[in-house]
Amino acid sequence: MVPRTEAGRRAVRRRARAVARTRPAIALVPLLGLPRAVRSADGGVGRAPAQRTPRWLRLTATAVVALSLTVVVVRLCDSGSAPTHVRSIHVERGDTLWSIATDAQPGTDPRPVIEDIRRINRLTGDDIRAGQVLEVPVAAAA
């Protein structure tokens, strides 16, 4: 209901200001550097001066966030990198991705090598044809 007189409207505005001054402060207000409502010794309500976050805390938080983002970006970029040693082979009749992976890196599990072959050559399945040229990751020379 809207007051009809000017005095009634002023009273509504005064009540709104009083309520705004007496609202309790939330826990994060001091960290954000915002003013908060406090009770004075005589029982009145006033505003406390804004508390600033200490510089060391802001710098530490910034450094942690920057370091975390750097780690995420490096991991994302590194996860899809191509092997450094690859060679081209011609697929012969009877060859499979398993046999090619076993020949390329003997003594290791061929499944990750097969995935690398698929990724490097952009293969979507296990189908290869005789005469096809594939780039194959090879074991690094010791």
N, C-alpha and C. Protein backbone atom coordinates (compact mmCIF):
# COMPACT_ATOMS: atom_id res chain seq x y z
N MET A 1 0.84 -1.18 0.00
CA MET A 1 0.00 0.00 0.00
C MET A 1 0.89 1.24 0.00
N VAL A 2 0.62 2.17 -0.87
CA VAL A 2 1.40 3.40 -1.01
C VAL A 2 0.75 4.48 -0.16
N PRO A 3 1.55 5.15 0.70
CA PRO A 3 0.98 6.23 1.52
C PRO A 3 0.49 7.37 0.62
N ARG A 4 -0.57 8.03 1.06
CA ARG A 4 -1.17 9.08 0.24
C ARG A 4 -0.57 10.45 0.52
N THR A 5 0.00 10.63 1.67
CA THR A 5 0.53 11.96 2.00
C THR A 5 2.04 11.95 1.92
N GLU A 6 2.61 13.14 1.83
CA GLU A 6 4.07 13.28 1.79
C GLU A 6 4.68 12.82 3.11
N ALA A 7 4.02 13.11 4.22
CA ALA A 7 4.53 12.69 5.53
C ALA A 7 4.58 11.16 5.61
N GLY A 8 3.60 10.50 5.05
CA GLY A 8 3.59 9.03 5.05
C GLY A 8 4.72 8.47 4.20
N ARG A 9 4.98 9.10 3.06
CA ARG A 9 6.08 8.64 2.20
C ARG A 9 7.43 8.83 2.89
N ARG A 10 7.57 9.99 3.61
CA ARG A 10 8.83 10.22 4.35
C ARG A 10 9.01 9.17 5.44
N ALA A 11 7.94 8.80 6.10
CA ALA A 11 8.02 7.80 7.16
C ALA A 11 8.44 6.45 6.60
N VAL A 12 7.95 6.10 5.42
CA VAL A 12 8.33 4.84 4.79
C VAL A 12 9.82 4.86 4.44
N ARG A 13 10.30 5.99 3.91
CA ARG A 13 11.73 6.09 3.57
C ARG A 13 12.60 6.01 4.82
N ARG A 14 12.17 6.64 5.93
CA ARG A 14 12.93 6.58 7.18
C ARG A 14 13.01 5.15 7.70
N ARG A 15 11.90 4.42 7.64
CA ARG A 15 11.91 3.03 8.09
C ARG A 15 12.83 2.18 7.22
N ALA A 16 12.82 2.43 5.92
CA ALA A 16 13.69 1.67 5.01
C ALA A 16 15.16 1.94 5.32
N ARG A 17 15.49 3.21 5.60
CA ARG A 17 16.89 3.54 5.94
C ARG A 17 17.28 2.90 7.27
N ALA A 18 16.37 2.89 8.23
CA ALA A 18 16.68 2.29 9.53
C ALA A 18 16.91 0.79 9.39
N VAL A 19 16.10 0.14 8.60
CA VAL A 19 16.28 -1.30 8.38
C VAL A 19 17.59 -1.56 7.68
N ALA A 20 17.93 -0.74 6.70
CA ALA A 20 19.19 -0.93 5.96
C ALA A 20 20.39 -0.76 6.87
N ARG A 21 20.31 0.14 7.86
CA ARG A 21 21.44 0.36 8.75
C ARG A 21 21.60 -0.78 9.76
N THR A 22 20.53 -1.45 10.11
CA THR A 22 20.60 -2.46 11.17
C THR A 22 20.74 -3.88 10.65
N ARG A 23 20.81 -4.06 9.35
CA ARG A 23 20.98 -5.43 8.84
C ARG A 23 22.31 -5.99 9.31
N PRO A 24 22.33 -7.26 9.71
CA PRO A 24 23.59 -7.84 10.18
C PRO A 24 24.58 -8.02 9.03
N ALA A 25 25.86 -7.94 9.38
CA ALA A 25 26.91 -8.12 8.38
C ALA A 25 27.11 -9.61 8.13
N ILE A 26 27.41 -9.98 6.92
CA ILE A 26 27.72 -11.37 6.62
C ILE A 26 29.21 -11.60 6.82
N ALA A 27 29.61 -12.85 6.87
CA ALA A 27 30.98 -13.21 7.23
C ALA A 27 32.00 -12.70 6.23
N LEU A 28 31.67 -12.65 4.94
CA LEU A 28 32.65 -12.27 3.93
C LEU A 28 32.80 -10.76 3.77
N VAL A 29 31.93 -9.98 4.40
CA VAL A 29 31.98 -8.54 4.22
C VAL A 29 33.35 -7.97 4.58
N PRO A 30 33.98 -8.35 5.71
CA PRO A 30 35.30 -7.78 6.00
C PRO A 30 36.35 -8.14 4.94
N LEU A 31 36.26 -9.34 4.36
CA LEU A 31 37.23 -9.72 3.35
C LEU A 31 37.05 -8.94 2.06
N LEU A 32 35.82 -8.54 1.77
CA LEU A 32 35.57 -7.81 0.54
C LEU A 32 35.86 -6.32 0.67
N GLY A 33 36.12 -5.87 1.88
CA GLY A 33 36.42 -4.45 2.08
C GLY A 33 35.20 -3.57 2.05
N LEU A 34 34.00 -4.12 2.34
CA LEU A 34 32.78 -3.35 2.33
C LEU A 34 32.44 -2.88 3.74
N PRO A 35 31.75 -1.77 3.87
CA PRO A 35 31.35 -1.33 5.21
C PRO A 35 30.29 -2.28 5.77
N ARG A 36 30.22 -2.38 7.10
CA ARG A 36 29.25 -3.26 7.72
C ARG A 36 28.59 -2.54 8.89
N ALA A 37 27.41 -2.99 9.27
CA ALA A 37 26.68 -2.38 10.37
C ALA A 37 27.25 -2.87 11.69
N VAL A 38 27.45 -1.96 12.65
CA VAL A 38 27.95 -2.33 13.98
C VAL A 38 27.14 -1.57 15.03
N ARG A 39 27.13 -2.11 16.24
CA ARG A 39 26.46 -1.43 17.36
C ARG A 39 27.53 -0.65 18.14
N SER A 40 27.21 0.56 18.45
CA SER A 40 28.14 1.37 19.23
C SER A 40 27.92 1.09 20.71
N ALA A 41 28.77 1.68 21.57
CA ALA A 41 28.69 1.44 23.01
C ALA A 41 27.39 1.97 23.59
N ASP A 42 26.83 3.02 23.01
CA ASP A 42 25.59 3.57 23.55
C ASP A 42 24.34 2.89 22.99
N GLY A 43 24.52 1.82 22.20
CA GLY A 43 23.39 1.06 21.69
C GLY A 43 22.93 1.49 20.32
N GLY A 44 23.48 2.55 19.79
CA GLY A 44 23.09 3.01 18.47
C GLY A 44 23.72 2.15 17.38
N VAL A 45 23.23 2.33 16.19
CA VAL A 45 23.75 1.57 15.07
C VAL A 45 24.48 2.52 14.15
N GLY A 46 25.69 2.15 13.77
CA GLY A 46 26.47 2.98 12.87
C GLY A 46 27.19 2.11 11.86
N ARG A 47 28.03 2.70 11.11
CA ARG A 47 28.79 1.96 10.10
C ARG A 47 30.24 1.90 10.53
N ALA A 48 30.80 0.70 10.46
CA ALA A 48 32.21 0.53 10.76
C ALA A 48 33.00 0.92 9.51
N PRO A 49 34.21 1.37 9.69
CA PRO A 49 35.01 1.69 8.51
C PRO A 49 35.28 0.42 7.71
N ALA A 50 35.42 0.57 6.41
CA ALA A 50 35.67 -0.58 5.54
C ALA A 50 37.00 -1.21 5.91
N GLN A 51 37.02 -2.53 6.01
CA GLN A 51 38.26 -3.23 6.32
C GLN A 51 38.83 -3.77 5.02
N ARG A 52 40.05 -3.41 4.76
CA ARG A 52 40.69 -3.87 3.53
C ARG A 52 41.35 -5.22 3.76
N THR A 53 41.34 -6.04 2.73
CA THR A 53 42.04 -7.32 2.78
C THR A 53 43.53 -7.03 2.77
N PRO A 54 44.29 -7.68 3.63
CA PRO A 54 45.73 -7.43 3.65
C PRO A 54 46.37 -7.72 2.28
N ARG A 55 47.39 -6.94 1.98
CA ARG A 55 48.04 -7.07 0.68
C ARG A 55 48.63 -8.46 0.48
N TRP A 56 49.23 -9.03 1.52
CA TRP A 56 49.85 -10.35 1.39
C TRP A 56 48.81 -11.41 1.05
N LEU A 57 47.59 -11.25 1.58
CA LEU A 57 46.52 -12.21 1.30
C LEU A 57 46.06 -12.10 -0.15
N ARG A 58 45.92 -10.86 -0.64
CA ARG A 58 45.53 -10.67 -2.04
C ARG A 58 46.59 -11.22 -2.98
N LEU A 59 47.87 -10.95 -2.69
CA LEU A 59 48.96 -11.45 -3.54
C LEU A 59 49.03 -12.97 -3.53
N THR A 60 48.86 -13.57 -2.37
CA THR A 60 48.89 -15.02 -2.26
C THR A 60 47.74 -15.65 -3.05
N ALA A 61 46.56 -15.10 -2.90
CA ALA A 61 45.40 -15.63 -3.62
C ALA A 61 45.60 -15.50 -5.14
N THR A 62 46.14 -14.37 -5.58
CA THR A 62 46.40 -14.17 -7.00
C THR A 62 47.43 -15.16 -7.51
N ALA A 63 48.49 -15.39 -6.73
CA ALA A 63 49.53 -16.33 -7.14
C ALA A 63 48.99 -17.75 -7.23
N VAL A 64 48.16 -18.14 -6.28
CA VAL A 64 47.58 -19.49 -6.29
C VAL A 64 46.69 -19.69 -7.51
N VAL A 65 45.87 -18.71 -7.80
CA VAL A 65 44.98 -18.81 -8.97
C VAL A 65 45.80 -18.86 -10.26
N ALA A 66 46.81 -18.01 -10.38
CA ALA A 66 47.64 -18.00 -11.60
C ALA A 66 48.38 -19.32 -11.76
N LEU A 67 48.92 -19.86 -10.69
CA LEU A 67 49.64 -21.13 -10.75
C LEU A 67 48.69 -22.27 -11.13
N SER A 68 47.50 -22.27 -10.57
CA SER A 68 46.53 -23.31 -10.90
C SER A 68 46.14 -23.25 -12.37
N LEU A 69 45.89 -22.06 -12.88
CA LEU A 69 45.53 -21.92 -14.30
C LEU A 69 46.69 -22.35 -15.19
N THR A 70 47.92 -22.04 -14.81
CA THR A 70 49.07 -22.44 -15.60
C THR A 70 49.19 -23.95 -15.65
N VAL A 71 49.00 -24.62 -14.53
CA VAL A 71 49.08 -26.08 -14.49
C VAL A 71 47.99 -26.69 -15.37
N VAL A 72 46.78 -26.15 -15.31
CA VAL A 72 45.69 -26.68 -16.13
C VAL A 72 45.99 -26.52 -17.62
N VAL A 73 46.47 -25.34 -18.00
CA VAL A 73 46.76 -25.09 -19.42
C VAL A 73 47.89 -25.99 -19.90
N VAL A 74 48.94 -26.16 -19.11
CA VAL A 74 50.05 -27.01 -19.52
C VAL A 74 49.59 -28.46 -19.66
N ARG A 75 48.80 -28.93 -18.73
CA ARG A 75 48.31 -30.31 -18.83
C ARG A 75 47.41 -30.52 -20.04
N LEU A 76 46.57 -29.54 -20.34
CA LEU A 76 45.70 -29.66 -21.51
C LEU A 76 46.51 -29.65 -22.80
N CYS A 77 47.52 -28.81 -22.86
CA CYS A 77 48.35 -28.74 -24.07
C CYS A 77 49.24 -29.97 -24.21
N ASP A 78 49.71 -30.50 -23.10
CA ASP A 78 50.65 -31.63 -23.14
C ASP A 78 49.95 -32.95 -23.38
N SER A 79 48.67 -33.06 -23.02
CA SER A 79 47.99 -34.35 -23.11
C SER A 79 47.82 -34.83 -24.54
N GLY A 80 47.75 -33.94 -25.50
CA GLY A 80 47.54 -34.36 -26.87
C GLY A 80 48.76 -34.18 -27.75
N SER A 81 49.94 -34.09 -27.16
CA SER A 81 51.12 -33.85 -27.99
C SER A 81 51.53 -35.12 -28.72
N ALA A 82 52.07 -34.95 -29.90
CA ALA A 82 52.49 -36.08 -30.72
C ALA A 82 53.85 -36.59 -30.24
N PRO A 83 54.11 -37.89 -30.42
CA PRO A 83 55.42 -38.42 -30.03
C PRO A 83 56.51 -37.79 -30.90
N THR A 84 57.70 -37.70 -30.36
CA THR A 84 58.77 -37.02 -31.09
C THR A 84 59.41 -37.92 -32.15
N HIS A 85 59.36 -39.24 -31.96
CA HIS A 85 59.98 -40.15 -32.91
C HIS A 85 58.90 -40.93 -33.65
N VAL A 86 58.73 -40.63 -34.95
CA VAL A 86 57.77 -41.37 -35.76
C VAL A 86 58.47 -41.80 -37.05
N ARG A 87 57.95 -42.84 -37.63
CA ARG A 87 58.47 -43.28 -38.94
C ARG A 87 57.27 -43.69 -39.79
N SER A 88 57.46 -43.62 -41.09
CA SER A 88 56.42 -44.02 -42.03
C SER A 88 56.62 -45.48 -42.39
N ILE A 89 55.51 -46.22 -42.42
CA ILE A 89 55.58 -47.62 -42.84
C ILE A 89 54.50 -47.86 -43.89
N HIS A 90 54.74 -48.81 -44.75
CA HIS A 90 53.74 -49.24 -45.73
C HIS A 90 53.06 -50.48 -45.17
N VAL A 91 51.75 -50.44 -45.11
CA VAL A 91 50.98 -51.57 -44.60
C VAL A 91 51.02 -52.69 -45.63
N GLU A 92 51.39 -53.88 -45.17
CA GLU A 92 51.44 -55.05 -46.06
C GLU A 92 50.24 -55.94 -45.78
N ARG A 93 50.00 -56.86 -46.67
CA ARG A 93 48.89 -57.77 -46.52
C ARG A 93 49.05 -58.58 -45.24
N GLY A 94 47.98 -58.65 -44.46
CA GLY A 94 48.00 -59.41 -43.21
C GLY A 94 48.40 -58.57 -41.99
N ASP A 95 48.83 -57.34 -42.19
CA ASP A 95 49.19 -56.48 -41.05
C ASP A 95 47.93 -56.02 -40.32
N THR A 96 48.06 -55.91 -39.01
CA THR A 96 46.99 -55.35 -38.18
C THR A 96 47.61 -54.23 -37.35
N LEU A 97 46.77 -53.41 -36.76
CA LEU A 97 47.30 -52.35 -35.89
C LEU A 97 48.07 -52.97 -34.72
N TRP A 98 47.60 -54.10 -34.23
CA TRP A 98 48.29 -54.78 -33.12
C TRP A 98 49.70 -55.21 -33.53
N SER A 99 49.82 -55.83 -34.70
CA SER A 99 51.15 -56.29 -35.14
C SER A 99 52.06 -55.12 -35.45
N ILE A 100 51.52 -54.04 -36.01
CA ILE A 100 52.34 -52.85 -36.30
C ILE A 100 52.82 -52.22 -35.00
N ALA A 101 51.93 -52.13 -34.00
CA ALA A 101 52.30 -51.53 -32.71
C ALA A 101 53.33 -52.39 -32.00
N THR A 102 53.20 -53.70 -32.08
CA THR A 102 54.16 -54.60 -31.45
C THR A 102 55.53 -54.49 -32.11
N ASP A 103 55.57 -54.36 -33.45
CA ASP A 103 56.85 -54.19 -34.15
C ASP A 103 57.48 -52.83 -33.86
N ALA A 104 56.66 -51.80 -33.71
CA ALA A 104 57.18 -50.45 -33.50
C ALA A 104 57.78 -50.28 -32.11
N GLN A 105 57.14 -50.86 -31.10
CA GLN A 105 57.64 -50.73 -29.73
C GLN A 105 57.57 -52.08 -29.05
N PRO A 106 58.53 -52.94 -29.34
CA PRO A 106 58.52 -54.28 -28.72
C PRO A 106 58.73 -54.20 -27.22
N GLY A 107 58.10 -55.12 -26.52
CA GLY A 107 58.26 -55.20 -25.06
C GLY A 107 57.35 -54.26 -24.30
N THR A 108 56.47 -53.54 -24.97
CA THR A 108 55.53 -52.65 -24.29
C THR A 108 54.11 -53.09 -24.61
N ASP A 109 53.17 -52.56 -23.85
CA ASP A 109 51.76 -52.85 -24.10
C ASP A 109 51.35 -52.17 -25.41
N PRO A 110 50.85 -52.90 -26.40
CA PRO A 110 50.54 -52.30 -27.70
C PRO A 110 49.30 -51.40 -27.71
N ARG A 111 48.44 -51.49 -26.70
CA ARG A 111 47.19 -50.70 -26.72
C ARG A 111 47.43 -49.19 -26.75
N PRO A 112 48.31 -48.63 -25.92
CA PRO A 112 48.56 -47.18 -26.04
C PRO A 112 49.20 -46.81 -27.37
N VAL A 113 50.04 -47.70 -27.90
CA VAL A 113 50.68 -47.43 -29.19
C VAL A 113 49.62 -47.42 -30.30
N ILE A 114 48.66 -48.33 -30.22
CA ILE A 114 47.58 -48.36 -31.20
C ILE A 114 46.78 -47.06 -31.14
N GLU A 115 46.50 -46.59 -29.93
CA GLU A 115 45.78 -45.32 -29.80
C GLU A 115 46.59 -44.17 -30.39
N ASP A 116 47.91 -44.18 -30.19
CA ASP A 116 48.77 -43.14 -30.79
C ASP A 116 48.73 -43.22 -32.32
N ILE A 117 48.77 -44.43 -32.86
CA ILE A 117 48.71 -44.60 -34.32
C ILE A 117 47.39 -44.05 -34.84
N ARG A 118 46.29 -44.37 -34.15
CA ARG A 118 44.98 -43.86 -34.58
C ARG A 118 44.94 -42.34 -34.55
N ARG A 119 45.48 -41.76 -33.46
CA ARG A 119 45.44 -40.31 -33.30
C ARG A 119 46.31 -39.62 -34.35
N ILE A 120 47.53 -40.11 -34.56
CA ILE A 120 48.46 -39.49 -35.51
C ILE A 120 47.90 -39.54 -36.93
N ASN A 121 47.33 -40.68 -37.30
CA ASN A 121 46.86 -40.88 -38.67
C ASN A 121 45.38 -40.56 -38.85
N ARG A 122 44.75 -40.09 -37.77
CA ARG A 122 43.33 -39.73 -37.80
C ARG A 122 42.45 -40.90 -38.26
N LEU A 123 42.70 -42.06 -37.70
CA LEU A 123 41.90 -43.25 -38.01
C LEU A 123 40.73 -43.30 -37.03
N THR A 124 39.57 -43.67 -37.53
CA THR A 124 38.39 -43.75 -36.66
C THR A 124 38.12 -45.17 -36.18
N GLY A 125 38.71 -46.16 -36.84
CA GLY A 125 38.47 -47.54 -36.43
C GLY A 125 39.73 -48.36 -36.56
N ASP A 126 39.56 -49.68 -36.71
CA ASP A 126 40.70 -50.59 -36.82
C ASP A 126 41.03 -50.95 -38.26
N ASP A 127 40.31 -50.41 -39.21
CA ASP A 127 40.49 -50.80 -40.61
C ASP A 127 41.71 -50.12 -41.23
N ILE A 128 42.63 -50.94 -41.75
CA ILE A 128 43.77 -50.46 -42.53
C ILE A 128 43.85 -51.32 -43.78
N ARG A 129 44.42 -50.77 -44.85
CA ARG A 129 44.48 -51.48 -46.13
C ARG A 129 45.94 -51.72 -46.52
N ALA A 130 46.17 -52.77 -47.26
CA ALA A 130 47.51 -53.05 -47.79
C ALA A 130 47.89 -51.90 -48.73
N GLY A 131 49.12 -51.42 -48.60
CA GLY A 131 49.61 -50.31 -49.41
C GLY A 131 49.43 -48.96 -48.76
N GLN A 132 48.65 -48.90 -47.71
CA GLN A 132 48.44 -47.65 -46.99
C GLN A 132 49.71 -47.24 -46.26
N VAL A 133 49.99 -45.94 -46.20
CA VAL A 133 51.16 -45.43 -45.48
C VAL A 133 50.71 -44.90 -44.14
N LEU A 134 51.32 -45.37 -43.07
CA LEU A 134 50.98 -44.93 -41.72
C LEU A 134 52.19 -44.32 -41.04
N GLU A 135 51.95 -43.28 -40.24
CA GLU A 135 52.98 -42.75 -39.36
C GLU A 135 52.86 -43.51 -38.05
N VAL A 136 53.98 -44.08 -37.61
CA VAL A 136 53.97 -44.95 -36.43
C VAL A 136 54.99 -44.43 -35.41
N PRO A 137 54.59 -44.28 -34.14
CA PRO A 137 55.54 -43.88 -33.11
C PRO A 137 56.50 -45.04 -32.81
N VAL A 138 57.78 -44.72 -32.72
CA VAL A 138 58.76 -45.77 -32.42
C VAL A 138 59.40 -45.48 -31.08
N ALA A 139 59.98 -46.53 -30.50
CA ALA A 139 60.66 -46.37 -29.21
C ALA A 139 61.82 -45.42 -29.38
N ALA A 140 62.01 -44.54 -28.41
CA ALA A 140 63.10 -43.57 -28.45
C ALA A 140 64.44 -44.32 -28.34
N ALA A 141 65.41 -43.85 -29.09
CA ALA A 141 66.73 -44.48 -29.04
C ALA A 141 67.39 -44.18 -27.70
N ALA A 142 67.98 -45.21 -27.10
CA ALA A 142 68.57 -45.02 -25.77
C ALA A 142 69.96 -44.46 -25.87
